[in-house]
Amino acid sequence: MTTEELAAIPAIDVRTIPHHERHVRIFSMLEALEPGHAFAVVSDHEPRPLQYQIEARFPDVFGWTYVEQGPEVWRAVISRESASCCGCCSGS
């Protein structure tokens, strides 16, 4: 991913969000994410537990790509891979 491509992706910097609100906000963004779109999560630690939660809750719906891996900043791009409903929309 080029610097220009990364700059065009919306990002949520969880370093500025209280711990108890982080995953709630990220999951809200996931639920609103349209197929073919992405956003980045910026953290001060490896967000592997978040990745596992996303994979468990929405199998085969979201992609996960690290673009920066510490030691001070971690950045992962989460993309909506599937056009199928992830179970987060109403009526499912």
Protein backbone atom coordinates (compact mmCIF):
# COMPACT_ATOMS: atom_id res chain seq x y z
CA MET A 1 0.00 0.00 0.00
CA THR A 2 1.45 3.34 -1.03
CA THR A 3 1.64 6.37 1.24
CA GLU A 4 -0.98 8.11 -0.93
CA GLU A 5 -3.37 5.14 -0.68
CA LEU A 6 -2.92 4.98 3.08
CA ALA A 7 -3.52 8.72 3.42
CA ALA A 8 -6.85 8.35 1.60
CA ILE A 9 -8.17 5.80 4.10
CA PRO A 10 -10.07 7.11 7.14
CA ALA A 11 -8.33 6.28 10.40
CA ILE A 12 -9.31 5.89 14.03
CA ASP A 13 -6.47 6.62 16.44
CA VAL A 14 -7.38 4.64 19.53
CA ARG A 15 -4.53 6.19 21.48
CA THR A 16 -6.81 9.20 21.99
CA ILE A 17 -9.88 7.18 23.06
CA PRO A 18 -10.52 5.81 26.57
CA HIS A 19 -9.90 2.04 26.75
CA HIS A 20 -13.52 1.15 27.51
CA GLU A 21 -14.75 2.96 24.36
CA ARG A 22 -12.20 1.71 21.81
CA HIS A 23 -13.75 -1.54 20.61
CA VAL A 24 -17.27 -0.09 20.74
CA ARG A 25 -16.23 2.67 18.33
CA ILE A 26 -14.32 0.32 16.07
CA PHE A 27 -17.24 -2.11 15.83
CA SER A 28 -19.57 0.79 15.01
CA MET A 29 -17.25 1.70 12.14
CA LEU A 30 -17.18 -1.92 10.98
CA GLU A 31 -20.96 -2.10 10.89
CA ALA A 32 -21.13 1.06 8.75
CA LEU A 33 -18.32 0.03 6.38
CA GLU A 34 -19.45 -0.54 2.81
CA PRO A 35 -18.07 -3.43 0.73
CA GLY A 36 -14.84 -2.43 -0.97
CA HIS A 37 -14.02 0.26 1.62
CA ALA A 38 -11.53 0.31 4.47
CA PHE A 39 -10.33 2.21 7.50
CA ALA A 40 -7.16 2.12 9.56
CA VAL A 41 -6.77 1.52 13.28
CA VAL A 42 -3.79 3.24 14.90
CA SER A 43 -2.64 1.95 18.28
CA ASP A 44 0.31 2.06 20.68
CA HIS A 45 0.26 -1.75 21.00
CA GLU A 46 -0.35 -4.70 18.73
CA PRO A 47 -4.13 -4.89 18.17
CA ARG A 48 -4.14 -8.70 17.71
CA PRO A 49 -7.01 -9.26 20.22
CA LEU A 50 -9.16 -6.90 18.15
CA GLN A 51 -8.31 -8.85 15.00
CA TYR A 52 -9.37 -12.10 16.70
CA GLN A 53 -12.65 -10.54 17.86
CA ILE A 54 -13.44 -9.32 14.34
CA GLU A 55 -12.63 -12.70 12.81
CA ALA A 56 -14.80 -14.51 15.37
CA ARG A 57 -17.74 -12.14 15.08
CA PHE A 58 -17.64 -11.64 11.30
CA PRO A 59 -15.90 -14.64 9.70
CA ASP A 60 -14.76 -14.06 6.11
CA VAL A 61 -16.22 -10.53 5.96
CA PHE A 62 -13.30 -8.25 6.85
CA GLY A 63 -9.68 -8.24 5.75
CA TRP A 64 -6.82 -7.22 8.05
CA THR A 65 -3.46 -5.88 6.85
CA TYR A 66 -0.71 -4.48 9.02
CA VAL A 67 0.97 -1.45 7.45
CA GLU A 68 3.02 -0.50 10.52
CA GLN A 69 4.09 -2.91 13.26
CA GLY A 70 5.57 -1.08 16.20
CA PRO A 71 7.36 -0.83 18.35
CA GLU A 72 5.70 2.50 19.19
CA VAL A 73 2.91 2.68 16.60
CA TRP A 74 0.83 -0.12 15.13
CA ARG A 75 -1.41 0.54 12.14
CA ALA A 76 -3.78 -2.02 10.65
CA VAL A 77 -6.08 -1.52 7.68
CA ILE A 78 -9.44 -3.24 8.00
CA SER A 79 -11.33 -3.70 4.74
CA ARG A 80 -14.84 -4.92 4.02
CA GLU A 81 -14.20 -7.82 1.68
CA SER A 82 -17.64 -9.32 1.36
CA ALA A 83 -20.80 -7.97 -0.18
CA SER A 84 -22.82 -10.39 1.95
CA CYS A 85 -24.44 -9.21 5.14
CA CYS A 86 -22.19 -9.57 8.17
CA GLY A 87 -25.08 -9.99 10.58
CA CYS A 88 -24.78 -6.42 11.76
CA CYS A 89 -27.52 -4.95 9.60
CA SER A 90 -31.15 -4.91 10.62
CA GLY A 91 -33.38 -7.69 9.48
CA SER A 92 -30.78 -10.45 9.77
